[in-house]
Amino acid sequence: MIEEVQKHSVHTLVFRSLKRTHDMFLADQGNPPPLDEQADKLKMSIKAKDEYKAVMHLVEANKHSRAKGASGGYNDDQFHKHNGRQENQMGMELVPLSTNVRDNMDMNDATSATTVSEGMQRTSSTSSSIFSSQTLSLSGVQHKVALIPRKPVSVPKPKWHPPWKLYRVISGHLGWVRCVTVEPGNQWFATGSADRVIKIWDLASGNLKLSLTGHISTVRGLVVSPRQPYLFSCGEDKQVKCWDLEYNKVIRHYHGHLSACYSLALHPTIDVLVTAGRDSVARVWDMRTKANIHTLTGHTNTVADVVCQASEPQIITGSHDCTIRIWDLAAGKSKATLTNHKKSVRALVIHPILYMFASGSPDNIKQWMCPEGKFIQNLSGHNAIVNCLGLNSDGVLVSGGDNGTLHFWDWKTGYNFQRIQAPVQPGSIDSEAGIFACTFDHSGSRLLTAEADKTIKVYKEDETAVIRHRSQQICFLFAINCNCFFANRLKKRIPSTGSRTS
């Protein structure tokens, strides 16, 4: 008769298996694996040859010299002397350049293993140490070693920049102003807004010149061509439009983005347009034929900004996946991925003169060197979501934050020389003090910001700052001269009481 096997639940069987495994391996749980002596010896010999190959023969020579010294009665606390040479206890021979100095040295000073060349004398009046040349024989070859004092690290001094001040506020849009661009002739600028309208303003007077309608959602990017009378725009309606400014009409559409288009840039030397957006790609378009030349894939989140330049890398993108990608335009592939940022990269700007660019993120503003994207330095202190960056040829970098703050930086040293809290338009709430875009005009003397209170603000350098700076210096020198004058008068009135030192 066959006995029935007692059935257990899966939980019971797993628990019993765990218990058997625990009982089997519990005894050896805390013990290290057995040491392989042969492997350990091989490891140590390889390490010794790799790190100490140049001086291993000195160890053998030291052993022989010690054995010889023990048989001849030499003392190990002193230097071994043989054949007119000195040898320290490390087995390294020191061949002095002068024998006179060696004879005059104390045995206590000999332990320093330094020899002073002829003609150099010790003076008791100076406490500074004398660095000398010495010849060190390593592996049979003599090398002259000069001990040179290390230069102190010099802190770069920031260039003085005049402070910037607000001098014009332009109203006219009915929604958040999301983008701004200045035309190459520096006569007018264009803005795009959440009211779906593109407005063109006179740069000198701030008067409205033209309004362009056609987008069906927020306008997020604008750029003016320097070679053709064209204005390019993109928006959250997935559309990329080319406007002919001679007729003020749309002449081309670039279809292909699967979601909102957030940024666009023109190549400075060839007829190529690059757009980027929420579909995590950047698209390269032939400006004339409207053909999608490349689709630059690799980012895993929204591509917030794209910039172009004539030299390599010709295309740089920043994304919400916290990376910056450098692209090969000819191949349509990514050349490098910069992963230094820890938060979303929302802004990029290329230096107009130097071969560098900067990126903005809530954690830091970072400077990079082209073409390989070498990290240069951090600009820390703008504790906000950095939506935009601007840079002029004088080395003034501007960062605009989501909380309405503007920070001005010296490009070379990264010094934050000014901070501005942008005032909101009367009738707006304080939470609408956000800066979405900023750019300098082509002279670098005016700064335009597009803000959440539906205004465009224009900043310029304070023209009286230099005069005020010089007057402060004059007042400071005058105060020093006055103090010296009164101090001399006071000394004449008080008789001298003699020296207090014994």
Foldseek 3Di string as FASTA:
>chain_A
DDDDDDDDDPVVVVVVVVVVVCVVCVVCPPPDDDDDPVVVVVVVVVVCCVPPVQCPVLVVVLVVVVVVCVVVVHDLLFWDDDPNWTAHNSSWTWDEQDPVQVVPDDRVVVNVVDHAHPPDDDDPVDPDDDWHWTWTQINNDTDIDTDDDDDDDDADDFDDDFDKDFDDKAFDDPFFWFEKDAAPVRQWIWTWGQVQKIWIAGPPPRHTDDIAHDDPGGWAEWDAANPAQWIWTFFQVQWIFIARPVVRHTDDIQDDDPGGWHYKEAANPAQWIWTFFFVQWIFIARNPVSDGPAIQHDGPGGFQYWYAYDDALGIWTFFQVQWIFGANVVVSYTPDIHNPGPGGWREKDAAPPAQKIWIDAQQWIWIFHDDVTHTDDTQDDPNAGFQYWEAANQQWIWTWHQQQKIWIARRPNSDGPDMDRDDADPPDDSNQNGWNYKYARNVNFKIWTGTRSNMIIIMGGDPCRVVVVVVVVVVVVVVVVVVVVVVVVVCVVDDDPDDPDD
